[in-house]
C-alpha atoms as a PDB file:
ATOM      1  CA  UNK A   1      41.201  22.272-146.065  1.00  0.00           C
ATOM      2  CA  UNK A   2      41.731  25.964-146.454  1.00  0.00           C
ATOM      3  CA  UNK A   3      39.085  27.137-144.006  1.00  0.00           C
ATOM      4  CA  UNK A   4      37.834  25.356-140.902  1.00  0.00           C
ATOM      5  CA  UNK A   5      35.222  27.028-138.696  1.00  0.00           C
ATOM      6  CA  UNK A   6      34.435  25.257-135.432  1.00  0.00           C
ATOM      7  CA  UNK A   7      31.715  25.852-132.862  1.00  0.00           C
ATOM      8  CA  UNK A   8      32.941  23.888-129.865  1.00  0.00           C
ATOM      9  CA  UNK A   9      30.568  23.478-126.924  1.00  0.00           C
ATOM     10  CA  UNK A  10      28.547  26.508-128.016  1.00  0.00           C
ATOM     11  CA  UNK A  11      25.275  24.997-129.245  1.00  0.00           C
ATOM     12  CA  UNK A  12      23.105  23.578-126.416  1.00  0.00           C
ATOM     13  CA  UNK A  13      22.459  20.261-128.198  1.00  0.00           C
ATOM     14  CA  UNK A  14      25.421  19.918-130.571  1.00  0.00           C
ATOM     15  CA  UNK A  15      28.773  20.228-128.797  1.00  0.00           C
ATOM     16  CA  UNK A  16      30.705  20.077-132.070  1.00  0.00           C
ATOM     17  CA  UNK A  17      29.733  21.819-135.307  1.00  0.00           C
ATOM     18  CA  UNK A  18      32.292  22.176-138.098  1.00  0.00           C
ATOM     19  CA  UNK A  19      31.917  24.056-141.386  1.00  0.00           C
ATOM     20  CA  UNK A  20      34.880  23.743-143.736  1.00  0.00           C
ATOM     21  CA  UNK A  21      36.031  24.401-147.293  1.00  0.00           C
ATOM     22  CA  UNK A  22      38.718  22.508-149.146  1.00  0.00           C
ATOM     23  CA  UNK A  23      40.478  24.562-151.827  1.00  0.00           C
ATOM     24  CA  UNK A  24      42.622  22.800-154.417  1.00  0.00           C
ATOM     25  CA  UNK A  25      43.623  22.734-158.066  1.00  0.00           C
ATOM     26  CA  UNK A  26      40.845  21.182-160.144  1.00  0.00           C
ATOM     27  CA  UNK A  27      43.271  18.863-161.901  1.00  0.00           C
ATOM     28  CA  UNK A  28      44.183  17.102-158.636  1.00  0.00           C
ATOM     29  CA  UNK A  29      42.229  13.823-158.553  1.00  0.00           C
ATOM     30  CA  UNK A  30      39.944  13.473-155.554  1.00  0.00           C
ATOM     31  CA  UNK A  31      37.272  11.134-154.224  1.00  0.00           C
ATOM     32  CA  UNK A  32      34.330  12.719-152.388  1.00  0.00           C
ATOM     33  CA  UNK A  33      33.424  11.658-148.866  1.00  0.00           C
ATOM     34  CA  UNK A  34      32.807   7.955-148.322  1.00  0.00           C
ATOM     35  CA  UNK A  35      33.492   5.198-145.816  1.00  0.00           C
ATOM     36  CA  UNK A  36      36.929   3.889-146.680  1.00  0.00           C
ATOM     37  CA  UNK A  37      37.311   0.179-147.361  1.00  0.00           C
ATOM     38  CA  UNK A  38      40.805   0.028-145.874  1.00  0.00           C
ATOM     39  CA  UNK A  39      40.152   2.012-142.670  1.00  0.00           C
ATOM     40  CA  UNK A  40      37.183   2.803-140.372  1.00  0.00           C
ATOM     41  CA  UNK A  41      37.100   6.394-141.644  1.00  0.00           C
ATOM     42  CA  UNK A  42      34.529   8.662-143.260  1.00  0.00           C
ATOM     43  CA  UNK A  43      36.381  11.229-145.367  1.00  0.00           C
ATOM     44  CA  UNK A  44      37.174  12.408-148.841  1.00  0.00           C
ATOM     45  CA  UNK A  45      40.395  11.141-150.361  1.00  0.00           C
ATOM     46  CA  UNK A  46      43.243  12.743-152.256  1.00  0.00           C
ATOM     47  CA  UNK A  47      43.940  10.244-155.033  1.00  0.00           C
ATOM     48  CA  UNK A  48      47.335  11.761-155.781  1.00  0.00           C
ATOM     49  CA  UNK A  49      48.862  11.069-152.344  1.00  0.00           C
ATOM     50  CA  UNK A  50      46.245   8.874-150.657  1.00  0.00           C
ATOM     51  CA  UNK A  51      45.540  11.012-147.604  1.00  0.00           C
ATOM     52  CA  UNK A  52      42.692  13.287-146.577  1.00  0.00           C
ATOM     53  CA  UNK A  53      42.016  16.778-145.259  1.00  0.00           C
ATOM     54  CA  UNK A  54      39.133  16.112-142.847  1.00  0.00           C
ATOM     55  CA  UNK A  55      37.408  13.054-141.480  1.00  0.00           C
ATOM     56  CA  UNK A  56      35.793  11.171-138.639  1.00  0.00           C
ATOM     57  CA  UNK A  57      36.319   7.641-137.397  1.00  0.00           C
ATOM     58  CA  UNK A  58      33.544   5.223-136.535  1.00  0.00           C
ATOM     59  CA  UNK A  59      34.321   5.687-132.826  1.00  0.00           C
ATOM     60  CA  UNK A  60      33.889   9.477-132.878  1.00  0.00           C
ATOM     61  CA  UNK A  61      37.370  10.837-133.479  1.00  0.00           C
ATOM     62  CA  UNK A  62      37.556  13.997-135.596  1.00  0.00           C
ATOM     63  CA  UNK A  63      40.492  15.552-137.402  1.00  0.00           C
ATOM     64  CA  UNK A  64      40.963  18.335-139.953  1.00  0.00           C
ATOM     65  CA  UNK A  65      43.999  20.022-141.467  1.00  0.00           C
ATOM     66  CA  UNK A  66      44.906  23.187-143.351  1.00  0.00           C
ATOM     67  CA  UNK A  67      48.157  24.029-145.087  1.00  0.00           C
ATOM     68  CA  UNK A  68      50.277  26.798-143.604  1.00  0.00           C
ATOM     69  CA  UNK A  69      50.984  29.346-146.321  1.00  0.00           C
ATOM     70  CA  UNK A  70      54.721  29.845-146.652  1.00  0.00           C
ATOM     71  CA  UNK A  71      55.708  30.010-150.342  1.00  0.00           C
ATOM     72  CA  UNK A  72      59.453  29.747-149.711  1.00  0.00           C
ATOM     73  CA  UNK A  73      59.210  26.424-147.917  1.00  0.00           C
ATOM     74  CA  UNK A  74      60.225  23.443-150.092  1.00  0.00           C
ATOM     75  CA  UNK A  75      57.602  20.708-150.013  1.00  0.00           C
ATOM     76  CA  UNK A  76      58.356  18.358-152.898  1.00  0.00           C
ATOM     77  CA  UNK A  77      60.625  16.036-150.914  1.00  0.00           C
ATOM     78  CA  UNK A  78      58.475  15.988-147.775  1.00  0.00           C
ATOM     79  CA  UNK A  79      55.707  13.610-146.773  1.00  0.00           C
ATOM     80  CA  UNK A  80      52.077  14.360-147.542  1.00  0.00           C
ATOM     81  CA  UNK A  81      50.202  16.152-144.773  1.00  0.00           C
ATOM     82  CA  UNK A  82      47.067  14.175-145.597  1.00  0.00           C
ATOM     83  CA  UNK A  83      48.562  11.114-143.926  1.00  0.00           C
ATOM     84  CA  UNK A  84      48.459  12.930-140.588  1.00  0.00           C
ATOM     85  CA  UNK A  85      44.661  13.072-140.569  1.00  0.00           C
ATOM     86  CA  UNK A  86      44.354   9.392-141.421  1.00  0.00           C
ATOM     87  CA  UNK A  87      46.957   8.477-138.821  1.00  0.00           C
ATOM     88  CA  UNK A  88      45.070  10.251-136.045  1.00  0.00           C
ATOM     89  CA  UNK A  89      41.716   8.784-137.023  1.00  0.00           C
ATOM     90  CA  UNK A  90      43.172   5.266-136.935  1.00  0.00           C
ATOM     91  CA  UNK A  91      45.174   5.824-133.751  1.00  0.00           C
ATOM     92  CA  UNK A  92      44.230   4.814-130.220  1.00  0.00           C
ATOM     93  CA  UNK A  93      46.274   7.665-128.740  1.00  0.00           C
ATOM     94  CA  UNK A  94      44.461  10.547-127.090  1.00  0.00           C
ATOM     95  CA  UNK A  95      44.656  13.751-129.113  1.00  0.00           C
ATOM     96  CA  UNK A  96      47.082  15.474-126.757  1.00  0.00           C
ATOM     97  CA  UNK A  97      49.541  12.566-126.832  1.00  0.00           C
ATOM     98  CA  UNK A  98      49.217  12.177-130.596  1.00  0.00           C
ATOM     99  CA  UNK A  99      49.935  15.862-131.202  1.00  0.00           C
ATOM    100  CA  UNK A 100      52.914  15.917-128.865  1.00  0.00           C
ATOM    101  CA  UNK A 101      54.367  12.968-130.776  1.00  0.00           C
ATOM    102  CA  UNK A 102      53.617  14.795-134.020  1.00  0.00           C
ATOM    103  CA  UNK A 103      55.380  17.906-132.753  1.00  0.00           C
ATOM    104  CA  UNK A 104      58.625  15.931-132.610  1.00  0.00           C
ATOM    105  CA  UNK A 105      58.209  14.855-136.244  1.00  0.00           C
ATOM    106  CA  UNK A 106      56.745  18.063-137.698  1.00  0.00           C
ATOM    107  CA  UNK A 107      59.655  18.736-140.051  1.00  0.00           C
ATOM    108  CA  UNK A 108      58.822  15.624-142.044  1.00  0.00           C
ATOM    109  CA  UNK A 109      55.924  17.612-143.501  1.00  0.00           C
ATOM    110  CA  UNK A 110      55.333  21.003-145.093  1.00  0.00           C
ATOM    111  CA  UNK A 111      53.761  23.476-142.661  1.00  0.00           C
ATOM    112  CA  UNK A 112      50.247  22.719-141.429  1.00  0.00           C
ATOM    113  CA  UNK A 113      47.556  23.424-138.852  1.00  0.00           C
ATOM    114  CA  UNK A 114      45.667  20.549-137.264  1.00  0.00           C
ATOM    115  CA  UNK A 115      42.540  20.209-135.150  1.00  0.00           C
ATOM    116  CA  UNK A 116      42.022  16.809-133.550  1.00  0.00           C
ATOM    117  CA  UNK A 117      39.916  15.214-130.845  1.00  0.00           C
ATOM    118  CA  UNK A 118      36.283  14.434-130.121  1.00  0.00           C
ATOM    119  CA  UNK A 119      33.092  16.347-129.387  1.00  0.00           C
ATOM    120  CA  UNK A 120      34.198  16.465-125.746  1.00  0.00           C
ATOM    121  CA  UNK A 121      37.825  17.539-126.118  1.00  0.00           C
ATOM    122  CA  UNK A 122      39.552  19.253-129.035  1.00  0.00           C
ATOM    123  CA  UNK A 123      43.200  20.169-129.488  1.00  0.00           C
ATOM    124  CA  UNK A 124      44.813  22.495-132.004  1.00  0.00           C
ATOM    125  CA  UNK A 125      48.378  22.570-133.273  1.00  0.00           C
ATOM    126  CA  UNK A 126      50.319  24.693-135.748  1.00  0.00           C
ATOM    127  CA  UNK A 127      53.559  23.117-136.918  1.00  0.00           C
ATOM    128  CA  UNK A 128      55.157  26.487-137.707  1.00  0.00           C
ATOM    129  CA  UNK A 129      53.778  28.400-134.722  1.00  0.00           C
ATOM    130  CA  UNK A 130      56.537  27.458-132.286  1.00  0.00           C
ATOM    131  CA  UNK A 131      53.858  26.611-129.711  1.00  0.00           C
ATOM    132  CA  UNK A 132      52.924  23.297-128.163  1.00  0.00           C
ATOM    133  CA  UNK A 133      49.567  21.698-128.980  1.00  0.00           C
ATOM    134  CA  UNK A 134      46.817  23.330-126.936  1.00  0.00           C
ATOM    135  CA  UNK A 135      43.321  22.535-125.734  1.00  0.00           C
ATOM    136  CA  UNK A 136      40.662  24.535-127.554  1.00  0.00           C
ATOM    137  CA  UNK A 137      38.392  26.392-125.132  1.00  0.00           C
ATOM    138  CA  UNK A 138      34.642  26.503-125.749  1.00  0.00           C
ATOM    139  CA  UNK A 139      33.784  29.035-128.429  1.00  0.00           C
ATOM    140  CA  UNK A 140      33.880  29.642-132.156  1.00  0.00           C
ATOM    141  CA  UNK A 141      37.323  29.173-133.684  1.00  0.00           C
ATOM    142  CA  UNK A 142      38.434  29.603-137.290  1.00  0.00           C
ATOM    143  CA  UNK A 143      41.675  28.598-138.971  1.00  0.00           C
ATOM    144  CA  UNK A 144      42.745  29.158-142.559  1.00  0.00           C
ATOM    145  CA  UNK A 145      46.336  29.137-143.819  1.00  0.00           C
ATOM    146  CA  UNK A 146      47.829  31.020-140.885  1.00  0.00           C
ATOM    147  CA  UNK A 147      47.561  30.074-137.214  1.00  0.00           C
ATOM    148  CA  UNK A 148      44.351  29.397-135.304  1.00  0.00           C
ATOM    149  CA  UNK A 149      42.146  32.507-135.015  1.00  0.00           C
ATOM    150  CA  UNK A 150      44.502  34.715-137.043  1.00  0.00           C
ATOM    151  CA  UNK A 151      42.285  37.687-138.045  1.00  0.00           C
ATOM    152  CA  UNK A 152      42.300  37.472-141.826  1.00  0.00           C
ATOM    153  CA  UNK A 153      39.240  38.936-143.622  1.00  0.00           C
ATOM    154  CA  UNK A 154      37.853  35.484-144.441  1.00  0.00           C
ATOM    155  CA  UNK A 155      38.311  34.123-140.911  1.00  0.00           C
ATOM    156  CA  UNK A 156      36.743  37.198-139.311  1.00  0.00           C
ATOM    157  CA  UNK A 157      33.767  36.917-141.647  1.00  0.00           C
ATOM    158  CA  UNK A 158      33.378  33.175-141.102  1.00  0.00           C
ATOM    159  CA  UNK A 159      33.485  33.559-137.327  1.00  0.00           C
ATOM    160  CA  UNK A 160      30.801  36.243-137.343  1.00  0.00           C
ATOM    161  CA  UNK A 161      28.524  34.385-139.740  1.00  0.00           C
ATOM    162  CA  UNK A 162      28.894  31.026-138.037  1.00  0.00           C
ATOM    163  CA  UNK A 163      27.703  32.456-134.738  1.00  0.00           C
ATOM    164  CA  UNK A 164      24.396  33.314-136.421  1.00  0.00           C
ATOM    165  CA  UNK A 165      24.073  30.064-138.372  1.00  0.00           C
ATOM    166  CA  UNK A 166      24.387  27.312-135.782  1.00  0.00           C
ATOM    167  CA  UNK A 167      20.727  26.308-135.959  1.00  0.00           C
ATOM    168  CA  UNK A 168      20.641  25.935-139.733  1.00  0.00           C
ATOM    169  CA  UNK A 169      22.722  23.589-141.851  1.00  0.00           C
ATOM    170  CA  UNK A 170      21.690  25.515-144.939  1.00  0.00           C
ATOM    171  CA  UNK A 171      22.927  28.768-143.402  1.00  0.00           C
ATOM    172  CA  UNK A 172      26.262  27.123-142.645  1.00  0.00           C
ATOM    173  CA  UNK A 173      26.577  26.156-146.300  1.00  0.00           C
ATOM    174  CA  UNK A 174      25.565  29.680-147.278  1.00  0.00           C
ATOM    175  CA  UNK A 175      28.406  30.994-145.121  1.00  0.00           C
ATOM    176  CA  UNK A 176      30.841  28.676-146.893  1.00  0.00           C
ATOM    177  CA  UNK A 177      29.732  29.918-150.324  1.00  0.00           C
ATOM    178  CA  UNK A 178      30.638  33.577-149.750  1.00  0.00           C
ATOM    179  CA  UNK A 179      32.806  34.530-152.728  1.00  0.00           C
ATOM    180  CA  UNK A 180      33.340  38.198-151.871  1.00  0.00           C
ATOM    181  CA  UNK A 181      36.997  39.228-152.223  1.00  0.00           C
ATOM    182  CA  UNK A 182      38.509  41.404-149.490  1.00  0.00           C
ATOM    183  CA  UNK A 183      39.657  44.970-150.061  1.00  0.00           C
ATOM    184  CA  UNK A 184      43.355  45.334-150.859  1.00  0.00           C
ATOM    185  CA  UNK A 185      44.091  47.237-147.654  1.00  0.00           C
ATOM    186  CA  UNK A 186      42.720  44.328-145.594  1.00  0.00           C
ATOM    187  CA  UNK A 187      44.723  41.582-147.305  1.00  0.00           C
ATOM    188  CA  UNK A 188      47.409  39.694-145.385  1.00  0.00           C
ATOM    189  CA  UNK A 189      50.954  39.670-146.695  1.00  0.00           C
ATOM    190  CA  UNK A 190      52.047  36.060-146.999  1.00  0.00           C
ATOM    191  CA  UNK A 191      54.699  36.286-149.690  1.00  0.00           C
ATOM    192  CA  UNK A 192      52.519  35.530-152.696  1.00  0.00           C
ATOM    193  CA  UNK A 193      51.451  37.907-155.463  1.00  0.00           C
ATOM    194  CA  UNK A 194      48.723  40.485-154.930  1.00  0.00           C
ATOM    195  CA  UNK A 195      46.637  38.658-157.524  1.00  0.00           C
ATOM    196  CA  UNK A 196      46.769  35.463-155.470  1.00  0.00           C
ATOM    197  CA  UNK A 197      46.214  37.290-152.171  1.00  0.00           C
ATOM    198  CA  UNK A 198      43.011  38.690-153.660  1.00  0.00           C
ATOM    199  CA  UNK A 199      41.887  35.341-155.040  1.00  0.00           C
ATOM    200  CA  UNK A 200      42.482  33.515-151.763  1.00  0.00           C
ATOM    201  CA  UNK A 201      40.860  36.186-149.581  1.00  0.00           C
ATOM    202  CA  UNK A 202      37.286  34.976-150.074  1.00  0.00           C
ATOM    203  CA  UNK A 203      35.668  32.174-148.114  1.00  0.00           C
ATOM    204  CA  UNK A 204      34.645  30.451-151.363  1.00  0.00           C
ATOM    205  CA  UNK A 205      37.306  30.594-154.074  1.00  0.00           C
ATOM    206  CA  UNK A 206      36.685  30.651-157.816  1.00  0.00           C
ATOM    207  CA  UNK A 207      39.201  30.699-160.668  1.00  0.00           C
ATOM    208  CA  UNK A 208      39.735  28.704-163.878  1.00  0.00           C
ATOM    209  CA  UNK A 209      42.382  26.387-162.412  1.00  0.00           C
ATOM    210  CA  UNK A 210      41.973  26.574-158.618  1.00  0.00           C
ATOM    211  CA  UNK A 211      39.041  26.886-156.279  1.00  0.00           C
ATOM    212  CA  UNK A 212      36.852  25.488-153.543  1.00  0.00           C
ATOM    213  CA  UNK A 213      36.437  21.811-154.376  1.00  0.00           C
ATOM    214  CA  UNK A 214      34.112  20.878-151.520  1.00  0.00           C
ATOM    215  CA  UNK A 215      32.189  22.317-148.587  1.00  0.00           C
ATOM    216  CA  UNK A 216      31.527  20.099-145.573  1.00  0.00           C
ATOM    217  CA  UNK A 217      29.322  20.553-142.521  1.00  0.00           C
ATOM    218  CA  UNK A 218      29.677  18.183-139.566  1.00  0.00           C
ATOM    219  CA  UNK A 219      27.248  18.247-136.638  1.00  0.00           C
ATOM    220  CA  UNK A 220      27.671  15.973-133.601  1.00  0.00           C
ATOM    221  CA  UNK A 221      25.073  15.978-130.843  1.00  0.00           C
ATOM    222  CA  UNK A 222      25.303  15.062-127.175  1.00  0.00           C
ATOM    223  CA  UNK A 223      24.206  11.488-127.849  1.00  0.00           C
ATOM    224  CA  UNK A 224      27.056  10.780-130.275  1.00  0.00           C
ATOM    225  CA  UNK A 225      24.797  11.012-133.309  1.00  0.00           C
ATOM    226  CA  UNK A 226      26.357  12.900-136.204  1.00  0.00           C
ATOM    227  CA  UNK A 227      25.385  14.204-139.616  1.00  0.00           C
ATOM    228  CA  UNK A 228      28.121  14.735-142.206  1.00  0.00           C
ATOM    229  CA  UNK A 229      26.941  16.790-145.195  1.00  0.00           C
ATOM    230  CA  UNK A 230      29.053  17.597-148.234  1.00  0.00           C
ATOM    231  CA  UNK A 231      28.752  19.541-151.465  1.00  0.00           C
ATOM    232  CA  UNK A 232      31.414  19.058-154.113  1.00  0.00           C
ATOM    233  CA  UNK A 233      32.233  21.519-156.862  1.00  0.00           C
ATOM    234  CA  UNK A 234      33.938  21.365-160.232  1.00  0.00           C
ATOM    235  CA  UNK A 235      34.870  24.803-161.518  1.00  0.00           C
ATOM    236  CA  UNK A 236      32.111  26.361-159.377  1.00  0.00           C
ATOM    237  CA  UNK A 237      29.351  23.938-160.350  1.00  0.00           C
ATOM    238  CA  UNK A 238      27.851  21.662-157.730  1.00  0.00           C
ATOM    239  CA  UNK A 239      28.397  18.169-159.069  1.00  0.00           C
ATOM    240  CA  UNK A 240      27.248  16.120-156.103  1.00  0.00           C
ATOM    241  CA  UNK A 241      25.636  16.422-152.697  1.00  0.00           C
ATOM    242  CA  UNK A 242      25.906  13.670-150.134  1.00  0.00           C
ATOM    243  CA  UNK A 243      25.068  13.151-146.485  1.00  0.00           C
ATOM    244  CA  UNK A 244      25.881  10.490-143.914  1.00  0.00           C
ATOM    245  CA  UNK A 245      24.182   9.816-140.593  1.00  0.00           C
ATOM    246  CA  UNK A 246      26.464   8.245-138.013  1.00  0.00           C
ATOM    247  CA  UNK A 247      25.960   6.680-134.600  1.00  0.00           C
ATOM    248  CA  UNK A 248      29.432   6.646-133.091  1.00  0.00           C
ATOM    249  CA  UNK A 249      30.476   3.550-131.141  1.00  0.00           C
END
């Protein structure tokens, strides 16, 4: 994922609402969300490495990941970050214990941010932050390719819009489809070219080779009933919409 917006214990009936965009090169082969045959997981799948960027397990575990933007960091020889999400969703470890174990092995992977837990307890962790995993307090939290709640233009915008969209799934998707590029004087400086800083500054990304490949909205209510809704895109055209209703064990 490249943007994850989370409303945790904010809505009176839905303790966990997630609205997220995955940005990727169009040439990278991907399966849309489905129940995996080899694991009790609902998620999309990266067919190049075999992992995923966001998913839920049949017993109510949730996990999502973004890359940490650091262009000078070598990544070719490291393990795929997508395995982390799958590993958590299949694990019996509580989120805090899982993330503390992960902290000891973080250098096996390129930099990342991870959110993991359940509708009742969520933890966040940034592998390049220098901080230990921490419990997310109730509220609206947004992470992109910096650390949790870093005030980039797209994260500020997503946080504001999500607060007004919690009662409407369609409004959450509308928030995720905002393609407005930030002004140059508001752009972060992350070591990439100005052209790429501009391109990546919008919530929804469009370019000939790279862009938002899918938007996902997850809503979990107090009774452990969830709706997972997804829209997939190919060069800015919606190619498929899908939704799953889940009663967690």
